[in-house]
């Protein structure tokens, strides 16, 4: 199981924790939404839940629940600036298609909107 965190993403995670004044890392997940089926979720975490996988790089921590590991396996999390927009973005080899707005995606080989097991 591999998930890569770029230096830019790690810097942003550390900055958000510092601004908030507390936190352990960034909890990343996948939820069923949108026109293509899935969307990424992000929240600052104060603790590691018992079943979560922990990934560390460049002084930052990602926490991922087991049900999301296969969907995110091999992905790289980056933090990018495009014009005035700044956001976390995944380069995920498991994504088959994205919707026109870029907010949701489907998985390769998935005909349903359920998380592939």
N, C-alpha and C. Protein backbone atom coordinates (compact mmCIF):
# COMPACT_ATOMS: atom_id res chain seq x y z
N UNK A 1 0.85 -1.17 0.00
CA UNK A 1 0.00 0.00 0.00
C UNK A 1 0.90 1.24 0.00
N UNK A 2 0.76 2.06 -1.03
CA UNK A 2 1.58 3.26 -1.13
C UNK A 2 0.73 4.48 -1.41
N UNK A 3 0.96 5.52 -0.65
CA UNK A 3 0.37 6.83 -0.92
C UNK A 3 1.50 7.84 -0.73
N UNK A 4 1.73 8.67 -1.73
CA UNK A 4 2.83 9.62 -1.70
C UNK A 4 2.32 11.01 -1.37
N UNK A 5 3.08 11.73 -0.60
CA UNK A 5 2.76 13.09 -0.20
C UNK A 5 3.88 13.99 -0.71
N UNK A 6 3.53 14.98 -1.54
CA UNK A 6 4.55 15.88 -2.05
C UNK A 6 4.98 16.87 -0.96
N UNK A 7 6.11 17.52 -1.19
CA UNK A 7 6.58 18.53 -0.24
C UNK A 7 5.58 19.67 -0.12
N UNK A 8 4.96 20.07 -1.24
CA UNK A 8 3.98 21.16 -1.21
C UNK A 8 2.77 20.78 -0.36
N UNK A 9 2.29 19.55 -0.50
CA UNK A 9 1.14 19.10 0.30
C UNK A 9 1.51 19.03 1.77
N UNK A 10 2.70 18.51 2.07
CA UNK A 10 3.15 18.42 3.46
C UNK A 10 3.27 19.81 4.07
N UNK A 11 3.80 20.76 3.32
CA UNK A 11 3.94 22.13 3.81
C UNK A 11 2.58 22.73 4.13
N UNK A 12 1.59 22.48 3.26
CA UNK A 12 0.24 23.01 3.48
C UNK A 12 -0.42 22.35 4.70
N UNK A 13 -0.22 21.06 4.88
CA UNK A 13 -0.78 20.37 6.05
C UNK A 13 -0.18 20.97 7.32
N UNK A 14 1.13 21.13 7.35
CA UNK A 14 1.79 21.72 8.52
C UNK A 14 1.29 23.14 8.77
N UNK A 15 1.11 23.93 7.70
CA UNK A 15 0.64 25.31 7.83
C UNK A 15 -0.79 25.36 8.39
N UNK A 16 -1.66 24.46 7.91
CA UNK A 16 -3.04 24.45 8.40
C UNK A 16 -3.11 24.04 9.87
N UNK A 17 -2.26 23.09 10.26
CA UNK A 17 -2.22 22.68 11.67
C UNK A 17 -1.70 23.82 12.52
N UNK A 18 -0.67 24.50 12.06
CA UNK A 18 -0.11 25.63 12.81
C UNK A 18 -1.13 26.75 12.95
N UNK A 19 -1.85 27.06 11.88
CA UNK A 19 -2.87 28.11 11.91
C UNK A 19 -3.99 27.75 12.88
N UNK A 20 -4.36 26.49 12.88
CA UNK A 20 -5.43 26.00 13.77
C UNK A 20 -4.94 25.95 15.22
N UNK A 21 -3.65 25.74 15.41
CA UNK A 21 -3.08 25.70 16.74
C UNK A 21 -2.98 24.31 17.33
N UNK A 22 -3.47 23.31 16.63
CA UNK A 22 -3.41 21.92 17.11
C UNK A 22 -3.73 20.99 15.96
N UNK A 23 -3.31 19.75 16.10
CA UNK A 23 -3.63 18.73 15.10
C UNK A 23 -2.48 17.78 14.91
N UNK A 24 -2.83 16.59 14.45
CA UNK A 24 -1.85 15.54 14.23
C UNK A 24 -1.52 15.39 12.74
N UNK A 25 -2.52 15.58 11.89
CA UNK A 25 -2.32 15.39 10.46
C UNK A 25 -3.59 15.64 9.69
N UNK A 26 -3.59 15.19 8.44
CA UNK A 26 -4.74 15.35 7.56
C UNK A 26 -5.40 14.00 7.34
N UNK A 27 -6.69 13.91 7.65
CA UNK A 27 -7.47 12.70 7.39
C UNK A 27 -8.05 12.83 5.99
N UNK A 28 -7.77 11.83 5.15
CA UNK A 28 -8.22 11.83 3.77
C UNK A 28 -9.14 10.64 3.57
N UNK A 29 -10.23 10.86 2.84
CA UNK A 29 -11.16 9.77 2.57
C UNK A 29 -11.80 9.91 1.21
N UNK A 30 -12.71 9.00 0.93
CA UNK A 30 -13.46 8.99 -0.33
C UNK A 30 -14.92 8.78 0.04
N UNK A 31 -15.80 9.62 -0.52
CA UNK A 31 -17.23 9.44 -0.27
C UNK A 31 -17.98 9.37 -1.60
N UNK A 32 -19.15 8.76 -1.56
CA UNK A 32 -19.99 8.63 -2.74
C UNK A 32 -20.77 9.91 -2.94
N UNK A 33 -20.53 10.60 -4.08
CA UNK A 33 -21.22 11.85 -4.41
C UNK A 33 -21.10 12.12 -5.90
N UNK A 34 -21.70 13.22 -6.32
CA UNK A 34 -21.46 13.80 -7.63
C UNK A 34 -21.94 12.98 -8.80
N UNK A 35 -21.65 13.53 -9.97
CA UNK A 35 -22.13 12.91 -11.20
C UNK A 35 -21.28 11.73 -11.63
N UNK A 36 -20.04 11.62 -11.13
CA UNK A 36 -19.19 10.50 -11.52
C UNK A 36 -19.11 9.42 -10.46
N UNK A 37 -19.50 9.69 -9.23
CA UNK A 37 -19.55 8.64 -8.24
C UNK A 37 -18.83 8.89 -6.93
N UNK A 38 -17.62 9.46 -6.95
CA UNK A 38 -16.83 9.63 -5.73
C UNK A 38 -16.21 11.01 -5.65
N UNK A 39 -15.89 11.43 -4.43
CA UNK A 39 -15.16 12.67 -4.21
C UNK A 39 -14.24 12.45 -3.01
N UNK A 40 -13.14 13.17 -2.98
CA UNK A 40 -12.20 13.09 -1.87
C UNK A 40 -12.71 13.96 -0.72
N UNK A 41 -12.41 13.53 0.50
CA UNK A 41 -12.73 14.32 1.68
C UNK A 41 -11.44 14.61 2.43
N UNK A 42 -11.39 15.77 3.07
CA UNK A 42 -10.20 16.19 3.81
C UNK A 42 -10.65 16.83 5.12
N UNK A 43 -9.98 16.47 6.21
CA UNK A 43 -10.23 17.13 7.49
C UNK A 43 -8.98 17.01 8.35
N UNK A 44 -8.70 18.04 9.14
CA UNK A 44 -7.59 17.97 10.07
C UNK A 44 -7.97 17.00 11.18
N UNK A 45 -7.00 16.20 11.59
CA UNK A 45 -7.24 15.17 12.60
C UNK A 45 -6.45 15.48 13.87
N UNK A 46 -7.07 15.21 15.01
CA UNK A 46 -6.41 15.40 16.29
C UNK A 46 -5.92 14.08 16.89
N UNK A 47 -6.39 12.96 16.34
CA UNK A 47 -6.00 11.65 16.84
C UNK A 47 -6.01 10.64 15.71
N UNK A 48 -5.32 9.53 15.93
CA UNK A 48 -5.35 8.41 14.99
C UNK A 48 -6.43 7.46 15.47
N UNK A 49 -7.39 7.17 14.61
CA UNK A 49 -8.43 6.21 14.97
C UNK A 49 -7.83 4.81 14.92
N UNK A 50 -8.37 3.89 15.72
CA UNK A 50 -7.76 2.56 15.84
C UNK A 50 -7.55 1.82 14.52
N UNK A 51 -8.42 2.01 13.55
CA UNK A 51 -8.32 1.25 12.31
C UNK A 51 -7.62 2.00 11.17
N UNK A 52 -7.17 3.22 11.41
CA UNK A 52 -6.59 4.03 10.34
C UNK A 52 -5.14 3.65 10.03
N UNK A 53 -4.80 3.80 8.76
CA UNK A 53 -3.43 3.63 8.30
C UNK A 53 -2.78 5.01 8.32
N UNK A 54 -1.55 5.06 8.78
CA UNK A 54 -0.82 6.32 8.92
C UNK A 54 0.31 6.36 7.88
N UNK A 55 0.37 7.46 7.12
CA UNK A 55 1.44 7.68 6.14
C UNK A 55 2.14 8.98 6.52
N UNK A 56 3.47 8.97 6.56
CA UNK A 56 4.22 10.16 6.94
C UNK A 56 5.27 10.48 5.89
N UNK A 57 5.41 11.77 5.59
CA UNK A 57 6.43 12.24 4.66
C UNK A 57 6.63 13.74 4.85
N UNK A 58 7.85 14.19 4.74
CA UNK A 58 8.19 15.62 4.78
C UNK A 58 7.64 16.30 6.04
N UNK A 59 7.61 15.57 7.16
CA UNK A 59 7.16 16.16 8.42
C UNK A 59 5.65 16.31 8.55
N UNK A 60 4.88 15.62 7.71
CA UNK A 60 3.41 15.69 7.79
C UNK A 60 2.84 14.27 7.79
N UNK A 61 1.62 14.16 8.30
CA UNK A 61 0.96 12.86 8.44
C UNK A 61 -0.37 12.84 7.70
N UNK A 62 -0.61 11.74 6.97
CA UNK A 62 -1.91 11.45 6.35
C UNK A 62 -2.51 10.27 7.10
N UNK A 63 -3.81 10.33 7.35
CA UNK A 63 -4.54 9.24 7.99
C UNK A 63 -5.64 8.78 7.05
N UNK A 64 -5.71 7.46 6.84
CA UNK A 64 -6.68 6.93 5.88
C UNK A 64 -7.35 5.69 6.46
N UNK A 65 -8.68 5.67 6.41
CA UNK A 65 -9.46 4.53 6.89
C UNK A 65 -9.27 3.34 5.95
N UNK A 66 -9.36 2.12 6.48
CA UNK A 66 -9.11 0.93 5.67
C UNK A 66 -10.01 0.80 4.44
N UNK A 67 -11.26 1.25 4.52
CA UNK A 67 -12.16 1.12 3.37
C UNK A 67 -11.75 2.02 2.20
N UNK A 68 -10.85 2.97 2.43
CA UNK A 68 -10.40 3.87 1.37
C UNK A 68 -9.02 3.51 0.82
N UNK A 69 -8.35 2.54 1.43
CA UNK A 69 -6.98 2.23 1.03
C UNK A 69 -6.86 1.75 -0.41
N UNK A 70 -7.72 0.85 -0.85
CA UNK A 70 -7.63 0.36 -2.23
C UNK A 70 -7.89 1.46 -3.25
N UNK A 71 -8.82 2.35 -2.95
CA UNK A 71 -9.14 3.45 -3.86
C UNK A 71 -7.97 4.42 -3.98
N UNK A 72 -7.20 4.59 -2.91
CA UNK A 72 -6.10 5.56 -2.88
C UNK A 72 -4.72 4.94 -3.10
N UNK A 73 -4.65 3.62 -3.21
CA UNK A 73 -3.35 2.95 -3.37
C UNK A 73 -2.62 3.44 -4.63
N UNK A 74 -1.40 3.87 -4.45
CA UNK A 74 -0.58 4.35 -5.56
C UNK A 74 -0.77 5.83 -5.88
N UNK A 75 -1.65 6.50 -5.16
CA UNK A 75 -1.95 7.91 -5.43
C UNK A 75 -0.88 8.83 -4.83
N UNK A 76 -0.80 10.03 -5.40
CA UNK A 76 0.06 11.09 -4.89
C UNK A 76 -0.81 12.28 -4.54
N UNK A 77 -0.66 12.78 -3.31
CA UNK A 77 -1.38 13.98 -2.89
C UNK A 77 -0.45 15.18 -3.03
N UNK A 78 -0.93 16.20 -3.75
CA UNK A 78 -0.17 17.41 -3.97
C UNK A 78 -1.02 18.60 -3.55
N UNK A 79 -0.40 19.74 -3.39
CA UNK A 79 -1.11 20.99 -3.13
C UNK A 79 -0.71 21.94 -4.25
N UNK A 80 -1.70 22.36 -5.04
CA UNK A 80 -1.40 23.15 -6.24
C UNK A 80 -2.12 24.50 -6.21
N UNK A 81 -1.49 25.46 -6.90
CA UNK A 81 -2.07 26.78 -7.08
C UNK A 81 -2.31 26.97 -8.57
N UNK A 82 -3.56 27.23 -8.92
CA UNK A 82 -3.95 27.50 -10.32
C UNK A 82 -4.69 28.82 -10.33
N UNK A 83 -4.00 29.88 -10.75
CA UNK A 83 -4.59 31.21 -10.69
C UNK A 83 -4.81 31.59 -9.25
N UNK A 84 -6.06 31.92 -8.89
CA UNK A 84 -6.38 32.28 -7.52
C UNK A 84 -6.82 31.08 -6.68
N UNK A 85 -6.94 29.92 -7.32
CA UNK A 85 -7.42 28.72 -6.63
C UNK A 85 -6.25 27.90 -6.09
N UNK A 86 -6.34 27.52 -4.84
CA UNK A 86 -5.37 26.64 -4.21
C UNK A 86 -6.13 25.45 -3.64
N UNK A 87 -5.60 24.23 -3.87
CA UNK A 87 -6.30 23.06 -3.35
C UNK A 87 -5.38 21.84 -3.31
N UNK A 88 -5.78 20.89 -2.47
CA UNK A 88 -5.16 19.58 -2.50
C UNK A 88 -5.67 18.87 -3.74
N UNK A 89 -4.80 18.14 -4.42
CA UNK A 89 -5.21 17.37 -5.60
C UNK A 89 -4.51 16.03 -5.59
N UNK A 90 -5.26 14.99 -5.92
CA UNK A 90 -4.70 13.66 -6.04
C UNK A 90 -4.37 13.35 -7.49
N UNK A 91 -3.24 12.72 -7.71
CA UNK A 91 -2.92 12.04 -8.97
C UNK A 91 -3.10 10.58 -8.61
N UNK A 92 -4.25 10.02 -9.01
CA UNK A 92 -4.66 8.69 -8.56
C UNK A 92 -4.77 7.74 -9.74
N UNK A 93 -3.92 6.71 -9.80
CA UNK A 93 -3.95 5.77 -10.92
C UNK A 93 -5.21 4.91 -10.96
N UNK A 94 -6.01 4.93 -9.91
CA UNK A 94 -7.23 4.12 -9.84
C UNK A 94 -8.44 4.82 -10.44
N UNK A 95 -8.30 6.11 -10.79
CA UNK A 95 -9.41 6.88 -11.33
C UNK A 95 -9.58 6.57 -12.81
N UNK A 96 -10.82 6.25 -13.19
CA UNK A 96 -11.13 5.98 -14.59
C UNK A 96 -11.54 7.25 -15.32
N UNK A 97 -12.50 7.97 -14.77
CA UNK A 97 -13.02 9.19 -15.38
C UNK A 97 -13.32 10.22 -14.30
N UNK A 98 -13.29 11.49 -14.71
CA UNK A 98 -13.71 12.56 -13.82
C UNK A 98 -14.88 13.29 -14.48
N UNK A 99 -15.69 13.93 -13.67
CA UNK A 99 -16.80 14.70 -14.23
C UNK A 99 -16.26 16.00 -14.83
N UNK A 100 -17.09 16.69 -15.57
CA UNK A 100 -16.68 17.93 -16.24
C UNK A 100 -16.23 19.01 -15.29
N UNK A 101 -16.80 19.07 -14.10
CA UNK A 101 -16.41 20.10 -13.13
C UNK A 101 -15.17 19.70 -12.34
N UNK A 102 -14.76 18.43 -12.43
CA UNK A 102 -13.57 17.97 -11.74
C UNK A 102 -13.77 17.67 -10.27
N UNK A 103 -15.00 17.71 -9.79
CA UNK A 103 -15.26 17.49 -8.38
C UNK A 103 -15.47 16.03 -8.01
N UNK A 104 -15.82 15.19 -8.97
CA UNK A 104 -16.05 13.78 -8.66
C UNK A 104 -15.39 12.91 -9.71
N UNK A 105 -15.27 11.62 -9.38
CA UNK A 105 -14.57 10.69 -10.26
C UNK A 105 -15.18 9.30 -10.15
N UNK A 106 -14.86 8.46 -11.13
CA UNK A 106 -15.22 7.05 -11.07
C UNK A 106 -13.94 6.25 -11.07
N UNK A 107 -14.05 5.01 -10.63
CA UNK A 107 -12.88 4.14 -10.56
C UNK A 107 -12.76 3.30 -11.82
N UNK A 108 -11.55 2.95 -12.17
CA UNK A 108 -11.32 2.06 -13.31
C UNK A 108 -12.00 0.72 -13.04
N UNK A 109 -12.68 0.20 -14.04
CA UNK A 109 -13.30 -1.10 -13.92
C UNK A 109 -14.50 -1.14 -13.01
N UNK A 110 -15.03 0.00 -12.61
CA UNK A 110 -16.19 0.04 -11.73
C UNK A 110 -17.42 0.44 -12.51
N UNK A 111 -18.46 -0.38 -12.45
CA UNK A 111 -19.71 -0.06 -13.12
C UNK A 111 -20.74 0.50 -12.16
N UNK A 112 -20.40 0.53 -10.87
CA UNK A 112 -21.35 1.04 -9.90
C UNK A 112 -20.75 2.20 -9.16
N UNK A 113 -21.56 2.80 -8.30
CA UNK A 113 -21.09 3.92 -7.50
C UNK A 113 -20.63 3.49 -6.11
N UNK A 114 -20.45 2.18 -5.90
CA UNK A 114 -19.94 1.70 -4.62
C UNK A 114 -18.42 1.67 -4.64
N UNK A 115 -17.82 1.72 -3.48
CA UNK A 115 -16.36 1.69 -3.39
C UNK A 115 -15.89 0.30 -3.78
N UNK A 116 -14.95 0.23 -4.69
CA UNK A 116 -14.42 -1.06 -5.14
C UNK A 116 -13.68 -1.73 -4.00
N UNK A 117 -13.89 -3.01 -3.85
CA UNK A 117 -13.22 -3.75 -2.77
C UNK A 117 -12.03 -4.51 -3.29
